[in-house]
Amino acid sequence: MASDLDATIAFWQGCFGAEVVADESMAGSRNVFLDIGGGRLNLYDQAPNQRGPVHHLGMQVKDLEATVEQLRNAGWEPRPIKKDGALSYSMVEGPDGVLLEVFHFDDTTAEHLKPYFDLDE
């Protein structure tokens, strides 16, 4: 999460050579996807909240429904799956209060995002 998204992008680009893969509205907020040496960083245009600047960790999964069910069966309390275009996701608070987003992009994912999420194979 970034209180000044453009300054945050400039930091990652200037200091670490990050490349902007996408800059678009998703799930109700401006989202910027960065590639940093093969690593990935998703920035939200939202001021940090009570969780601080690192709001949650995202984990891409092949089968979102099965993952949510597995979490539920293990005693965790995942939130209902939400869908926003090609993106489907659920949030769950894990050990030590770490908020996790488990997500999946379907076949309608925009072409420019497919390589970022390894969907171009």
PDB file of N, CA and C in Angstrom:
ATOM      1  N   MET A   1       0.855  -1.163   0.000  1.00  0.00           N
ATOM      2  CA  MET A   1       0.000   0.000   0.000  1.00  0.00           C
ATOM      3  C   MET A   1       0.902   1.228   0.000  1.00  0.00           C
ATOM      4  N   ALA A   2       0.474   2.241  -0.720  1.00  0.00           N
ATOM      5  CA  ALA A   2       1.322   3.420  -0.867  1.00  0.00           C
ATOM      6  C   ALA A   2       0.507   4.692  -0.718  1.00  0.00           C
ATOM      7  N   SER A   3       0.940   5.576   0.166  1.00  0.00           N
ATOM      8  CA  SER A   3       0.256   6.854   0.329  1.00  0.00           C
ATOM      9  C   SER A   3       0.562   7.784  -0.838  1.00  0.00           C
ATOM     10  N   ASP A   4       1.707   7.599  -1.501  1.00  0.00           N
ATOM     11  CA  ASP A   4       2.063   8.335  -2.721  1.00  0.00           C
ATOM     12  C   ASP A   4       2.564   7.298  -3.716  1.00  0.00           C
ATOM     13  N   LEU A   5       1.640   6.771  -4.505  1.00  0.00           N
ATOM     14  CA  LEU A   5       1.964   5.655  -5.388  1.00  0.00           C
ATOM     15  C   LEU A   5       3.056   6.001  -6.391  1.00  0.00           C
ATOM     16  N   ASP A   6       3.003   7.191  -6.977  1.00  0.00           N
ATOM     17  CA  ASP A   6       4.017   7.554  -7.966  1.00  0.00           C
ATOM     18  C   ASP A   6       5.410   7.640  -7.347  1.00  0.00           C
ATOM     19  N   ALA A   7       5.516   8.174  -6.129  1.00  0.00           N
ATOM     20  CA  ALA A   7       6.806   8.225  -5.444  1.00  0.00           C
ATOM     21  C   ALA A   7       7.302   6.818  -5.108  1.00  0.00           C
ATOM     22  N   THR A   8       6.374   5.936  -4.745  1.00  0.00           N
ATOM     23  CA  THR A   8       6.739   4.557  -4.423  1.00  0.00           C
ATOM     24  C   THR A   8       7.241   3.831  -5.668  1.00  0.00           C
ATOM     25  N   ILE A   9       6.569   4.040  -6.795  1.00  0.00           N
ATOM     26  CA  ILE A   9       7.023   3.451  -8.059  1.00  0.00           C
ATOM     27  C   ILE A   9       8.419   3.960  -8.390  1.00  0.00           C
ATOM     28  N   ALA A  10       8.623   5.274  -8.258  1.00  0.00           N
ATOM     29  CA  ALA A  10       9.928   5.874  -8.556  1.00  0.00           C
ATOM     30  C   ALA A  10      11.025   5.275  -7.679  1.00  0.00           C
ATOM     31  N   PHE A  11      10.708   5.015  -6.408  1.00  0.00           N
ATOM     32  CA  PHE A  11      11.675   4.391  -5.508  1.00  0.00           C
ATOM     33  C   PHE A  11      12.103   3.027  -6.038  1.00  0.00           C
ATOM     34  N   TRP A  12      11.130   2.167  -6.343  1.00  0.00           N
ATOM     35  CA  TRP A  12      11.453   0.812  -6.806  1.00  0.00           C
ATOM     36  C   TRP A  12      12.150   0.828  -8.161  1.00  0.00           C
ATOM     37  N   GLN A  13      11.775   1.751  -9.044  1.00  0.00           N
ATOM     38  CA  GLN A  13      12.437   1.854 -10.343  1.00  0.00           C
ATOM     39  C   GLN A  13      13.857   2.382 -10.189  1.00  0.00           C
ATOM     40  N   GLY A  14      14.004   3.482  -9.454  1.00  0.00           N
ATOM     41  CA  GLY A  14      15.299   4.133  -9.328  1.00  0.00           C
ATOM     42  C   GLY A  14      16.319   3.358  -8.530  1.00  0.00           C
ATOM     43  N   CYS A  15      15.878   2.700  -7.493  1.00  0.00           N
ATOM     44  CA  CYS A  15      16.805   2.002  -6.608  1.00  0.00           C
ATOM     45  C   CYS A  15      17.011   0.530  -6.953  1.00  0.00           C
ATOM     46  N   PHE A  16      16.034  -0.074  -7.615  1.00  0.00           N
ATOM     47  CA  PHE A  16      16.112  -1.512  -7.856  1.00  0.00           C
ATOM     48  C   PHE A  16      15.852  -1.920  -9.299  1.00  0.00           C
ATOM     49  N   GLY A  17      15.680  -0.945 -10.191  1.00  0.00           N
ATOM     50  CA  GLY A  17      15.478  -1.258 -11.604  1.00  0.00           C
ATOM     51  C   GLY A  17      14.147  -1.915 -11.918  1.00  0.00           C
ATOM     52  N   ALA A  18      13.142  -1.679 -11.097  1.00  0.00           N
ATOM     53  CA  ALA A  18      11.834  -2.289 -11.332  1.00  0.00           C
ATOM     54  C   ALA A  18      11.243  -1.812 -12.653  1.00  0.00           C
ATOM     55  N   GLU A  19      10.501  -2.708 -13.281  1.00  0.00           N
ATOM     56  CA  GLU A  19       9.793  -2.381 -14.517  1.00  0.00           C
ATOM     57  C   GLU A  19       8.297  -2.476 -14.259  1.00  0.00           C
ATOM     58  N   VAL A  20       7.562  -1.455 -14.686  1.00  0.00           N
ATOM     59  CA  VAL A  20       6.109  -1.482 -14.557  1.00  0.00           C
ATOM     60  C   VAL A  20       5.554  -2.410 -15.632  1.00  0.00           C
ATOM     61  N   VAL A  21       4.861  -3.445 -15.202  1.00  0.00           N
ATOM     62  CA  VAL A  21       4.250  -4.402 -16.119  1.00  0.00           C
ATOM     63  C   VAL A  21       2.831  -3.964 -16.444  1.00  0.00           C
ATOM     64  N   ALA A  22       2.134  -3.431 -15.453  1.00  0.00           N
ATOM     65  CA  ALA A  22       0.763  -2.967 -15.656  1.00  0.00           C
ATOM     66  C   ALA A  22       0.446  -1.892 -14.630  1.00  0.00           C
ATOM     67  N   ASP A  23      -0.404  -0.966 -15.039  1.00  0.00           N
ATOM     68  CA  ASP A  23      -0.870   0.120 -14.179  1.00  0.00           C
ATOM     69  C   ASP A  23      -2.340   0.306 -14.512  1.00  0.00           C
ATOM     70  N   GLU A  24      -3.216  -0.230 -13.660  1.00  0.00           N
ATOM     71  CA  GLU A  24      -4.644  -0.220 -13.987  1.00  0.00           C
ATOM     72  C   GLU A  24      -5.502  -0.332 -12.738  1.00  0.00           C
ATOM     73  N   SER A  25      -6.779  -0.130 -12.906  1.00  0.00           N
ATOM     74  CA  SER A  25      -7.729  -0.263 -11.815  1.00  0.00           C
ATOM     75  C   SER A  25      -8.118  -1.730 -11.679  1.00  0.00           C
ATOM     76  N   MET A  26      -8.058  -2.220 -10.441  1.00  0.00           N
ATOM     77  CA  MET A  26      -8.412  -3.609 -10.172  1.00  0.00           C
ATOM     78  C   MET A  26      -8.875  -3.700  -8.727  1.00  0.00           C
ATOM     79  N   ALA A  27      -9.968  -4.370  -8.499  1.00  0.00           N
ATOM     80  CA  ALA A  27     -10.517  -4.558  -7.152  1.00  0.00           C
ATOM     81  C   ALA A  27     -10.728  -3.222  -6.443  1.00  0.00           C
ATOM     82  N   GLY A  28     -11.155  -2.218  -7.199  1.00  0.00           N
ATOM     83  CA  GLY A  28     -11.518  -0.935  -6.621  1.00  0.00           C
ATOM     84  C   GLY A  28     -10.385   0.024  -6.332  1.00  0.00           C
ATOM     85  N   SER A  29      -9.189  -0.266  -6.823  1.00  0.00           N
ATOM     86  CA  SER A  29      -8.046   0.590  -6.548  1.00  0.00           C
ATOM     87  C   SER A  29      -7.075   0.566  -7.718  1.00  0.00           C
ATOM     88  N   ARG A  30      -6.305   1.628  -7.855  1.00  0.00           N
ATOM     89  CA  ARG A  30      -5.227   1.618  -8.844  1.00  0.00           C
ATOM     90  C   ARG A  30      -4.196   0.616  -8.359  1.00  0.00           C
ATOM     91  N   ASN A  31      -3.852  -0.315  -9.221  1.00  0.00           N
ATOM     92  CA  ASN A  31      -2.860  -1.344  -8.931  1.00  0.00           C
ATOM     93  C   ASN A  31      -1.724  -1.216  -9.917  1.00  0.00           C
ATOM     94  N   VAL A  32      -0.512  -1.297  -9.425  1.00  0.00           N
ATOM     95  CA  VAL A  32       0.660  -1.278 -10.288  1.00  0.00           C
ATOM     96  C   VAL A  32       1.427  -2.565 -10.012  1.00  0.00           C
ATOM     97  N   PHE A  33       1.693  -3.297 -11.088  1.00  0.00           N
ATOM     98  CA  PHE A  33       2.440  -4.542 -10.996  1.00  0.00           C
ATOM     99  C   PHE A  33       3.867  -4.274 -11.456  1.00  0.00           C
ATOM    100  N   LEU A  34       4.831  -4.591 -10.597  1.00  0.00           N
ATOM    101  CA  LEU A  34       6.242  -4.378 -10.901  1.00  0.00           C
ATOM    102  C   LEU A  34       6.962  -5.710 -11.022  1.00  0.00           C
ATOM    103  N   ASP A  35       7.906  -5.758 -11.953  1.00  0.00           N
ATOM    104  CA  ASP A  35       8.828  -6.888 -12.070  1.00  0.00           C
ATOM    105  C   ASP A  35      10.173  -6.368 -11.577  1.00  0.00           C
ATOM    106  N   ILE A  36      10.697  -7.022 -10.558  1.00  0.00           N
ATOM    107  CA  ILE A  36      11.974  -6.600  -9.984  1.00  0.00           C
ATOM    108  C   ILE A  36      12.908  -7.801 -10.019  1.00  0.00           C
ATOM    109  N   GLY A  37      13.723  -7.877 -11.053  1.00  0.00           N
ATOM    110  CA  GLY A  37      14.676  -8.978 -11.173  1.00  0.00           C
ATOM    111  C   GLY A  37      14.022 -10.337 -11.157  1.00  0.00           C
ATOM    112  N   GLY A  38      12.842 -10.461 -11.721  1.00  0.00           N
ATOM    113  CA  GLY A  38      12.128 -11.731 -11.739  1.00  0.00           C
ATOM    114  C   GLY A  38      11.174 -11.884 -10.567  1.00  0.00           C
ATOM    115  N   GLY A  39      11.310 -11.031  -9.555  1.00  0.00           N
ATOM    116  CA  GLY A  39      10.358 -11.019  -8.442  1.00  0.00           C
ATOM    117  C   GLY A  39       9.193 -10.118  -8.803  1.00  0.00           C
ATOM    118  N   ARG A  40       8.132 -10.220  -8.085  1.00  0.00           N
ATOM    119  CA  ARG A  40       6.935  -9.445  -8.407  1.00  0.00           C
ATOM    120  C   ARG A  40       6.450  -8.684  -7.191  1.00  0.00           C
ATOM    121  N   LEU A  41       5.998  -7.462  -7.454  1.00  0.00           N
ATOM    122  CA  LEU A  41       5.476  -6.605  -6.400  1.00  0.00           C
ATOM    123  C   LEU A  41       4.219  -5.935  -6.912  1.00  0.00           C
ATOM    124  N   ASN A  42       3.167  -5.996  -6.129  1.00  0.00           N
ATOM    125  CA  ASN A  42       1.891  -5.371  -6.474  1.00  0.00           C
ATOM    126  C   ASN A  42       1.680  -4.212  -5.511  1.00  0.00           C
ATOM    127  N   LEU A  43       1.580  -2.992  -6.044  1.00  0.00           N
ATOM    128  CA  LEU A  43       1.369  -1.804  -5.234  1.00  0.00           C
ATOM    129  C   LEU A  43      -0.070  -1.343  -5.377  1.00  0.00           C
ATOM    130  N   TYR A  44      -0.674  -0.931  -4.263  1.00  0.00           N
ATOM    131  CA  TYR A  44      -2.035  -0.412  -4.245  1.00  0.00           C
ATOM    132  C   TYR A  44      -1.982   1.080  -3.961  1.00  0.00           C
ATOM    133  N   ASP A  45      -2.791   1.847  -4.663  1.00  0.00           N
ATOM    134  CA  ASP A  45      -2.894   3.280  -4.428  1.00  0.00           C
ATOM    135  C   ASP A  45      -3.854   3.526  -3.269  1.00  0.00           C
ATOM    136  N   GLN A  46      -3.402   3.151  -2.084  1.00  0.00           N
ATOM    137  CA  GLN A  46      -4.184   3.317  -0.865  1.00  0.00           C
ATOM    138  C   GLN A  46      -3.206   3.602   0.265  1.00  0.00           C
ATOM    139  N   ALA A  47      -3.558   4.555   1.104  1.00  0.00           N
ATOM    140  CA  ALA A  47      -2.703   4.845   2.257  1.00  0.00           C
ATOM    141  C   ALA A  47      -2.633   3.615   3.159  1.00  0.00           C
ATOM    142  N   PRO A  48      -1.472   3.371   3.753  1.00  0.00           N
ATOM    143  CA  PRO A  48      -1.370   2.251   4.685  1.00  0.00           C
ATOM    144  C   PRO A  48      -2.419   2.367   5.782  1.00  0.00           C
ATOM    145  N   ASN A  49      -2.944   1.221   6.202  1.00  0.00           N
ATOM    146  CA  ASN A  49      -3.952   1.203   7.255  1.00  0.00           C
ATOM    147  C   ASN A  49      -3.355   0.585   8.514  1.00  0.00           C
ATOM    148  N   GLN A  50      -4.175   0.048   9.386  1.00  0.00           N
ATOM    149  CA  GLN A  50      -3.689  -0.494  10.646  1.00  0.00           C
ATOM    150  C   GLN A  50      -2.688  -1.629  10.455  1.00  0.00           C
ATOM    151  N   ARG A  51      -2.675  -2.262   9.305  1.00  0.00           N
ATOM    152  CA  ARG A  51      -1.702  -3.331   9.052  1.00  0.00           C
ATOM    153  C   ARG A  51      -0.350  -2.771   8.602  1.00  0.00           C
ATOM    154  N   GLY A  52      -0.304  -1.489   8.253  1.00  0.00           N
ATOM    155  CA  GLY A  52       0.942  -0.880   7.822  1.00  0.00           C
ATOM    156  C   GLY A  52       1.087  -0.926   6.312  1.00  0.00           C
ATOM    157  N   PRO A  53       2.276  -0.605   5.804  1.00  0.00           N
ATOM    158  CA  PRO A  53       2.463  -0.531   4.353  1.00  0.00           C
ATOM    159  C   PRO A  53       2.388  -1.894   3.652  1.00  0.00           C
ATOM    160  N   VAL A  54       2.719  -2.967   4.359  1.00  0.00           N
ATOM    161  CA  VAL A  54       2.552  -4.305   3.793  1.00  0.00           C
ATOM    162  C   VAL A  54       1.222  -4.822   4.319  1.00  0.00           C
ATOM    163  N   HIS A  55       0.204  -4.712   3.484  1.00  0.00           N
ATOM    164  CA  HIS A  55      -1.139  -5.061   3.905  1.00  0.00           C
ATOM    165  C   HIS A  55      -1.341  -6.568   3.944  1.00  0.00           C
ATOM    166  N   HIS A  56      -0.874  -7.267   2.905  1.00  0.00           N
ATOM    167  CA  HIS A  56      -1.060  -8.711   2.850  1.00  0.00           C
ATOM    168  C   HIS A  56      -0.067  -9.328   1.879  1.00  0.00           C
ATOM    169  N   LEU A  57       0.037 -10.640   1.934  1.00  0.00           N
ATOM    170  CA  LEU A  57       0.827 -11.404   0.970  1.00  0.00           C
ATOM    171  C   LEU A  57      -0.132 -12.074   0.010  1.00  0.00           C
ATOM    172  N   GLY A  58       0.188 -12.047  -1.276  1.00  0.00           N
ATOM    173  CA  GLY A  58      -0.646 -12.689  -2.284  1.00  0.00           C
ATOM    174  C   GLY A  58      -0.026 -13.992  -2.740  1.00  0.00           C
ATOM    175  N   MET A  59      -0.868 -15.001  -2.873  1.00  0.00           N
ATOM    176  CA  MET A  59      -0.411 -16.305  -3.344  1.00  0.00           C
ATOM    177  C   MET A  59      -1.297 -16.753  -4.493  1.00  0.00           C
ATOM    178  N   GLN A  60      -0.692 -16.885  -5.658  1.00  0.00           N
ATOM    179  CA  GLN A  60      -1.427 -17.360  -6.826  1.00  0.00           C
ATOM    180  C   GLN A  60      -1.587 -18.872  -6.719  1.00  0.00           C
ATOM    181  N   VAL A  61      -2.812 -19.352  -6.923  1.00  0.00           N
ATOM    182  CA  VAL A  61      -3.091 -20.787  -6.833  1.00  0.00           C
ATOM    183  C   VAL A  61      -3.775 -21.249  -8.120  1.00  0.00           C
ATOM    184  N   LYS A  62      -3.621 -22.520  -8.421  1.00  0.00           N
ATOM    185  CA  LYS A  62      -4.237 -23.072  -9.635  1.00  0.00           C
ATOM    186  C   LYS A  62      -5.725 -23.302  -9.461  1.00  0.00           C
ATOM    187  N   ASP A  63      -6.154 -23.713  -8.272  1.00  0.00           N
ATOM    188  CA  ASP A  63      -7.561 -24.028  -8.027  1.00  0.00           C
ATOM    189  C   ASP A  63      -8.004 -23.286  -6.770  1.00  0.00           C
ATOM    190  N   LEU A  64      -8.587 -22.123  -6.959  1.00  0.00           N
ATOM    191  CA  LEU A  64      -8.965 -21.268  -5.836  1.00  0.00           C
ATOM    192  C   LEU A  64     -10.006 -21.926  -4.939  1.00  0.00           C
ATOM    193  N   GLU A  65     -11.033 -22.512  -5.534  1.00  0.00           N
ATOM    194  CA  GLU A  65     -12.089 -23.136  -4.739  1.00  0.00           C
ATOM    195  C   GLU A  65     -11.526 -24.243  -3.848  1.00  0.00           C
ATOM    196  N   ALA A  66     -10.659 -25.075  -4.405  1.00  0.00           N
ATOM    197  CA  ALA A  66     -10.067 -26.168  -3.625  1.00  0.00           C
ATOM    198  C   ALA A  66      -9.166 -25.621  -2.515  1.00  0.00           C
ATOM    199  N   THR A  67      -8.442 -24.555  -2.809  1.00  0.00           N
ATOM    200  CA  THR A  67      -7.569 -23.955  -1.797  1.00  0.00           C
ATOM    201  C   THR A  67      -8.386 -23.376  -0.648  1.00  0.00           C
ATOM    202  N   VAL A  68      -9.463 -22.663  -0.968  1.00  0.00           N
ATOM    203  CA  VAL A  68     -10.321 -22.092   0.062  1.00  0.00           C
ATOM    204  C   VAL A  68     -10.946 -23.207   0.905  1.00  0.00           C
ATOM    205  N   GLU A  69     -11.380 -24.263   0.267  1.00  0.00           N
ATOM    206  CA  GLU A  69     -11.958 -25.394   0.992  1.00  0.00           C
ATOM    207  C   GLU A  69     -10.912 -26.056   1.890  1.00  0.00           C
ATOM    208  N   GLN A  70      -9.695 -26.198   1.396  1.00  0.00           N
ATOM    209  CA  GLN A  70      -8.617 -26.791   2.192  1.00  0.00           C
ATOM    210  C   GLN A  70      -8.326 -25.923   3.416  1.00  0.00           C
ATOM    211  N   LEU A  71      -8.294 -24.620   3.243  1.00  0.00           N
ATOM    212  CA  LEU A  71      -8.086 -23.711   4.373  1.00  0.00           C
ATOM    213  C   LEU A  71      -9.210 -23.863   5.401  1.00  0.00           C
ATOM    214  N   ARG A  72     -10.431 -23.899   4.909  1.00  0.00           N
ATOM    215  CA  ARG A  72     -11.598 -24.035   5.795  1.00  0.00           C
ATOM    216  C   ARG A  72     -11.526 -25.358   6.569  1.00  0.00           C
ATOM    217  N   ASN A  73     -11.204 -26.442   5.870  1.00  0.00           N
ATOM    218  CA  ASN A  73     -11.111 -27.758   6.512  1.00  0.00           C
ATOM    219  C   ASN A  73      -9.991 -27.823   7.544  1.00  0.00           C
ATOM    220  N   ALA A  74      -8.977 -26.965   7.365  1.00  0.00           N
ATOM    221  CA  ALA A  74      -7.859 -26.936   8.311  1.00  0.00           C
ATOM    222  C   ALA A  74      -8.147 -26.026   9.507  1.00  0.00           C
ATOM    223  N   GLY A  75      -9.354 -25.446   9.547  1.00  0.00           N
ATOM    224  CA  GLY A  75      -9.737 -24.639  10.691  1.00  0.00           C
ATOM    225  C   GLY A  75      -9.554 -23.140  10.524  1.00  0.00           C
ATOM    226  N   TRP A  76      -9.147 -22.697   9.360  1.00  0.00           N
ATOM    227  CA  TRP A  76      -8.998 -21.271   9.095  1.00  0.00           C
ATOM    228  C   TRP A  76     -10.335 -20.730   8.600  1.00  0.00           C
ATOM    229  N   GLU A  77     -10.467 -19.420   8.525  1.00  0.00           N
ATOM    230  CA  GLU A  77     -11.732 -18.816   8.142  1.00  0.00           C
ATOM    231  C   GLU A  77     -11.571 -17.908   6.921  1.00  0.00           C
ATOM    232  N   PRO A  78     -11.407 -18.502   5.736  1.00  0.00           N
ATOM    233  CA  PRO A  78     -11.281 -17.671   4.541  1.00  0.00           C
ATOM    234  C   PRO A  78     -12.579 -16.923   4.257  1.00  0.00           C
ATOM    235  N   ARG A  79     -12.434 -15.716   3.758  1.00  0.00           N
ATOM    236  CA  ARG A  79     -13.603 -14.925   3.377  1.00  0.00           C
ATOM    237  C   ARG A  79     -14.176 -15.490   2.077  1.00  0.00           C
ATOM    238  N   PRO A  80     -15.432 -15.184   1.790  1.00  0.00           N
ATOM    239  CA  PRO A  80     -16.016 -15.669   0.530  1.00  0.00           C
ATOM    240  C   PRO A  80     -15.194 -15.211  -0.674  1.00  0.00           C
ATOM    241  N   ILE A  81     -15.185 -16.040  -1.691  1.00  0.00           N
ATOM    242  CA  ILE A  81     -14.459 -15.714  -2.928  1.00  0.00           C
ATOM    243  C   ILE A  81     -15.140 -14.534  -3.600  1.00  0.00           C
ATOM    244  N   LYS A  82     -14.316 -13.575  -4.022  1.00  0.00           N
ATOM    245  CA  LYS A  82     -14.801 -12.420  -4.776  1.00  0.00           C
ATOM    246  C   LYS A  82     -14.254 -12.510  -6.190  1.00  0.00           C
ATOM    247  N   LYS A  83     -15.020 -11.997  -7.134  1.00  0.00           N
ATOM    248  CA  LYS A  83     -14.598 -12.000  -8.536  1.00  0.00           C
ATOM    249  C   LYS A  83     -14.607 -10.576  -9.047  1.00  0.00           C
ATOM    250  N   ASP A  84     -13.536 -10.188  -9.730  1.00  0.00           N
ATOM    251  CA  ASP A  84     -13.403  -8.871 -10.335  1.00  0.00           C
ATOM    252  C   ASP A  84     -12.787  -9.072 -11.716  1.00  0.00           C
ATOM    253  N   GLY A  85     -13.626  -9.199 -12.734  1.00  0.00           N
ATOM    254  CA  GLY A  85     -13.113  -9.481 -14.075  1.00  0.00           C
ATOM    255  C   GLY A  85     -12.465 -10.848 -14.105  1.00  0.00           C
ATOM    256  N   ALA A  86     -11.224 -10.902 -14.570  1.00  0.00           N
ATOM    257  CA  ALA A  86     -10.502 -12.167 -14.671  1.00  0.00           C
ATOM    258  C   ALA A  86      -9.964 -12.647 -13.327  1.00  0.00           C
ATOM    259  N   LEU A  87      -9.970 -11.781 -12.338  1.00  0.00           N
ATOM    260  CA  LEU A  87      -9.417 -12.086 -11.021  1.00  0.00           C
ATOM    261  C   LEU A  87     -10.479 -12.635 -10.073  1.00  0.00           C
ATOM    262  N   SER A  88     -10.147 -13.724  -9.409  1.00  0.00           N
ATOM    263  CA  SER A  88     -10.950 -14.245  -8.307  1.00  0.00           C
ATOM    264  C   SER A  88     -10.010 -14.386  -7.118  1.00  0.00           C
ATOM    265  N   TYR A  89     -10.511 -14.038  -5.919  1.00  0.00           N
ATOM    266  CA  TYR A  89      -9.631 -14.097  -4.756  1.00  0.00           C
ATOM    267  C   TYR A  89     -10.422 -14.272  -3.462  1.00  0.00           C
ATOM    268  N   SER A  90      -9.697 -14.717  -2.451  1.00  0.00           N
ATOM    269  CA  SER A  90     -10.226 -14.824  -1.104  1.00  0.00           C
ATOM    270  C   SER A  90      -9.126 -14.378  -0.150  1.00  0.00           C
ATOM    271  N   MET A  91      -9.528 -13.786   0.959  1.00  0.00           N
ATOM    272  CA  MET A  91      -8.585 -13.357   1.972  1.00  0.00           C
ATOM    273  C   MET A  91      -8.754 -14.248   3.198  1.00  0.00           C
ATOM    274  N   VAL A  92      -7.635 -14.519   3.866  1.00  0.00           N
ATOM    275  CA  VAL A  92      -7.679 -15.310   5.090  1.00  0.00           C
ATOM    276  C   VAL A  92      -6.562 -14.830   6.009  1.00  0.00           C
ATOM    277  N   GLU A  93      -6.887 -14.698   7.283  1.00  0.00           N
ATOM    278  CA  GLU A  93      -5.855 -14.335   8.249  1.00  0.00           C
ATOM    279  C   GLU A  93      -5.178 -15.607   8.705  1.00  0.00           C
ATOM    280  N   GLY A  94      -3.864 -15.667   8.513  1.00  0.00           N
ATOM    281  CA  GLY A  94      -3.098 -16.847   8.860  1.00  0.00           C
ATOM    282  C   GLY A  94      -2.411 -16.710  10.210  1.00  0.00           C
ATOM    283  N   PRO A  95      -1.414 -17.542  10.452  1.00  0.00           N
ATOM    284  CA  PRO A  95      -0.684 -17.498  11.722  1.00  0.00           C
ATOM    285  C   PRO A  95      -0.113 -16.101  11.987  1.00  0.00           C
ATOM    286  N   ASP A  96      -0.118 -15.725  13.245  1.00  0.00           N
ATOM    287  CA  ASP A  96       0.420 -14.435  13.691  1.00  0.00           C
ATOM    288  C   ASP A  96      -0.271 -13.247  13.044  1.00  0.00           C
ATOM    289  N   GLY A  97      -1.506 -13.450  12.560  1.00  0.00           N
ATOM    290  CA  GLY A  97      -2.264 -12.346  11.994  1.00  0.00           C
ATOM    291  C   GLY A  97      -1.858 -11.935  10.594  1.00  0.00           C
ATOM    292  N   VAL A  98      -1.015 -12.720   9.929  1.00  0.00           N
ATOM    293  CA  VAL A  98      -0.609 -12.394   8.562  1.00  0.00           C
ATOM    294  C   VAL A  98      -1.811 -12.575   7.640  1.00  0.00           C
ATOM    295  N   LEU A  99      -2.172 -11.517   6.937  1.00  0.00           N
ATOM    296  CA  LEU A  99      -3.294 -11.576   6.011  1.00  0.00           C
ATOM    297  C   LEU A  99      -2.801 -12.104   4.668  1.00  0.00           C
ATOM    298  N   LEU A 100      -3.448 -13.148   4.187  1.00  0.00           N
ATOM    299  CA  LEU A 100      -3.084 -13.766   2.909  1.00  0.00           C
ATOM    300  C   LEU A 100      -4.210 -13.588   1.913  1.00  0.00           C
ATOM    301  N   GLU A 101      -3.844 -13.299   0.683  1.00  0.00           N
ATOM    302  CA  GLU A 101      -4.787 -13.293  -0.434  1.00  0.00           C
ATOM    303  C   GLU A 101      -4.421 -14.482  -1.302  1.00  0.00           C
ATOM    304  N   VAL A 102      -5.361 -15.406  -1.459  1.00  0.00           N
ATOM    305  CA  VAL A 102      -5.165 -16.497  -2.417  1.00  0.00           C
ATOM    306  C   VAL A 102      -5.978 -16.110  -3.643  1.00  0.00           C
ATOM    307  N   PHE A 103      -5.340 -16.164  -4.802  1.00  0.00           N
ATOM    308  CA  PHE A 103      -6.002 -15.654  -5.996  1.00  0.00           C
ATOM    309  C   PHE A 103      -5.738 -16.515  -7.219  1.00  0.00           C
ATOM    310  N   HIS A 104      -6.589 -16.300  -8.210  1.00  0.00           N
ATOM    311  CA  HIS A 104      -6.485 -17.014  -9.483  1.00  0.00           C
ATOM    312  C   HIS A 104      -6.970 -16.076 -10.584  1.00  0.00           C
ATOM    313  N   PHE A 105      -6.272 -16.069 -11.708  1.00  0.00           N
ATOM    314  CA  PHE A 105      -6.710 -15.347 -12.900  1.00  0.00           C
ATOM    315  C   PHE A 105      -7.205 -16.361 -13.913  1.00  0.00           C
ATOM    316  N   ASP A 106      -8.345 -16.078 -14.543  1.00  0.00           N
ATOM    317  CA  ASP A 106      -8.893 -17.029 -15.508  1.00  0.00           C
ATOM    318  C   ASP A 106      -8.381 -16.745 -16.920  1.00  0.00           C
ATOM    319  N   ASP A 107      -8.933 -17.471 -17.891  1.00  0.00           N
ATOM    320  CA  ASP A 107      -8.471 -17.390 -19.282  1.00  0.00           C
ATOM    321  C   ASP A 107      -8.725 -16.039 -19.934  1.00  0.00           C
ATOM    322  N   THR A 108      -9.559 -15.198 -19.318  1.00  0.00           N
ATOM    323  CA  THR A 108      -9.842 -13.889 -19.913  1.00  0.00           C
ATOM    324  C   THR A 108      -8.846 -12.821 -19.453  1.00  0.00           C
ATOM    325  N   THR A 109      -7.802 -13.229 -18.744  1.00  0.00           N
ATOM    326  CA  THR A 109      -6.782 -12.287 -18.273  1.00  0.00           C
ATOM    327  C   THR A 109      -6.186 -11.528 -19.453  1.00  0.00           C
ATOM    328  N   ALA A 110      -6.011 -10.238 -19.273  1.00  0.00           N
ATOM    329  CA  ALA A 110      -5.437  -9.390 -20.322  1.00  0.00           C
ATOM    330  C   ALA A 110      -4.075  -9.934 -20.747  1.00  0.00           C
ATOM    331  N   GLU A 111      -3.816  -9.879 -22.043  1.00  0.00           N
ATOM    332  CA  GLU A 111      -2.587 -10.442 -22.602  1.00  0.00           C
ATOM    333  C   GLU A 111      -1.329  -9.888 -21.932  1.00  0.00           C
ATOM    334  N   HIS A 112      -1.308  -8.590 -21.619  1.00  0.00           N
ATOM    335  CA  HIS A 112      -0.096  -8.009 -21.039  1.00  0.00           C
ATOM    336  C   HIS A 112       0.160  -8.474 -19.604  1.00  0.00           C
ATOM    337  N   LEU A 113      -0.846  -9.053 -18.950  1.00  0.00           N
ATOM    338  CA  LEU A 113      -0.651  -9.567 -17.597  1.00  0.00           C
ATOM    339  C   LEU A 113      -0.289 -11.046 -17.570  1.00  0.00           C
ATOM    340  N   LYS A 114      -0.555 -11.756 -18.649  1.00  0.00           N
ATOM    341  CA  LYS A 114      -0.301 -13.205 -18.654  1.00  0.00           C
ATOM    342  C   LYS A 114       1.154 -13.560 -18.344  1.00  0.00           C
ATOM    343  N   PRO A 115       2.153 -12.903 -18.936  1.00  0.00           N
ATOM    344  CA  PRO A 115       3.528 -13.261 -18.575  1.00  0.00           C
ATOM    345  C   PRO A 115       3.858 -12.970 -17.109  1.00  0.00           C
ATOM    346  N   TYR A 116       3.291 -11.902 -16.565  1.00  0.00           N
ATOM    347  CA  TYR A 116       3.548 -11.521 -15.181  1.00  0.00           C
ATOM    348  C   TYR A 116       3.066 -12.605 -14.230  1.00  0.00           C
ATOM    349  N   PHE A 117       1.949 -13.227 -14.543  1.00  0.00           N
ATOM    350  CA  PHE A 117       1.389 -14.275 -13.691  1.00  0.00           C
ATOM    351  C   PHE A 117       1.668 -15.675 -14.221  1.00  0.00           C
ATOM    352  N   ASP A 118       2.644 -15.809 -15.122  1.00  0.00           N
ATOM    353  CA  ASP A 118       3.030 -17.102 -15.701  1.00  0.00           C
ATOM    354  C   ASP A 118       1.839 -17.825 -16.319  1.00  0.00           C
ATOM    355  N   LEU A 119       0.981 -17.074 -17.010  1.00  0.00           N
ATOM    356  CA  LEU A 119      -0.185 -17.660 -17.658  1.00  0.00           C
ATOM    357  C   LEU A 119       0.003 -17.776 -19.168  1.00  0.00           C
ATOM    358  N   ASP A 120       1.189 -17.484 -19.657  1.00  0.00           N
ATOM    359  CA  ASP A 120       1.419 -17.472 -21.099  1.00  0.00           C
ATOM    360  C   ASP A 120       2.048 -18.761 -21.601  1.00  0.00           C
ATOM    361  N   GLU A 121       2.021 -19.777 -20.792  1.00  0.00           N
ATOM    362  CA  GLU A 121       2.627 -21.054 -21.196  1.00  0.00           C
ATOM    363  C   GLU A 121       1.674 -21.899 -21.984  1.00  0.00           C
TER     364      GLU A 121
END
